[in-house]
Amino acid sequence: MPTNKLSRKALTPALIFSSLVFFVSIILYRMIVANYRLSFPDFLLIVFLSLLSSGILHRLIEFSFTEKGVIARFREVKENVKIINEIAKHVLTEGELLQLKHLNRKENYIEVKYCDFLFREMIRLCQHKFVAETYTGAVWDMQNKHHNDSGNYNLKDYFQITEDGISYLKLLEDLEKIPEEINNNVF
């Protein structure tokens, strides 16, 4: 008889929940009729079945006791990781991300040509606190000096990447690796 994987997945929580209800019903019956007291193993079994029915134990990777307390690590859920990945990727536009990557380079000279898009990108990067002006008013000086100028200039004269900007680029780099790890079942 072929089994349907989806129906088995849907049936498992229902069976676990039914077991929990059945066990609690027996304990309640004993407590009412036979003046039974809830023992510690009964309590642990109720907690275990409750956790099992909630699905949390399916995501448990590590569970241990230490001097500092209990350590529990859980498997990341693919859907949540994908959502976080998409959100992080879309915080900046492609142009803003390009400017941030330019400012993260080790070279002291990043040659750019002024345009209104660049001006708006740099303002947004400052608002996100991914870059900072090298001096107060640098963004306005850049606009005033190069708005009608057709020549190139050094972007690093006006802006520098911040720790938040470096962390954001590192996050994007790490998020690029996650789909591979999910597909290879590293989690």
Foldseek 3Di string as FASTA:
>chain_A
DDDDPVVVVVVVLVVLVVVLVVLVVVVVVCCVPVVDDQDPVSVVVNVVSVCVSVVQVVFWDDWDADPVGIDTDGHDDPVVLVVVLVVLVPPADPVLLVVLVQLPDPDQFDKDADDVVVLVSVVVCVVVVQKDFPDPPLSVVCCVVRVVPGGIGGPNNTMHGDPVNVVSVVVNVVSVCVVVCVVVVVD
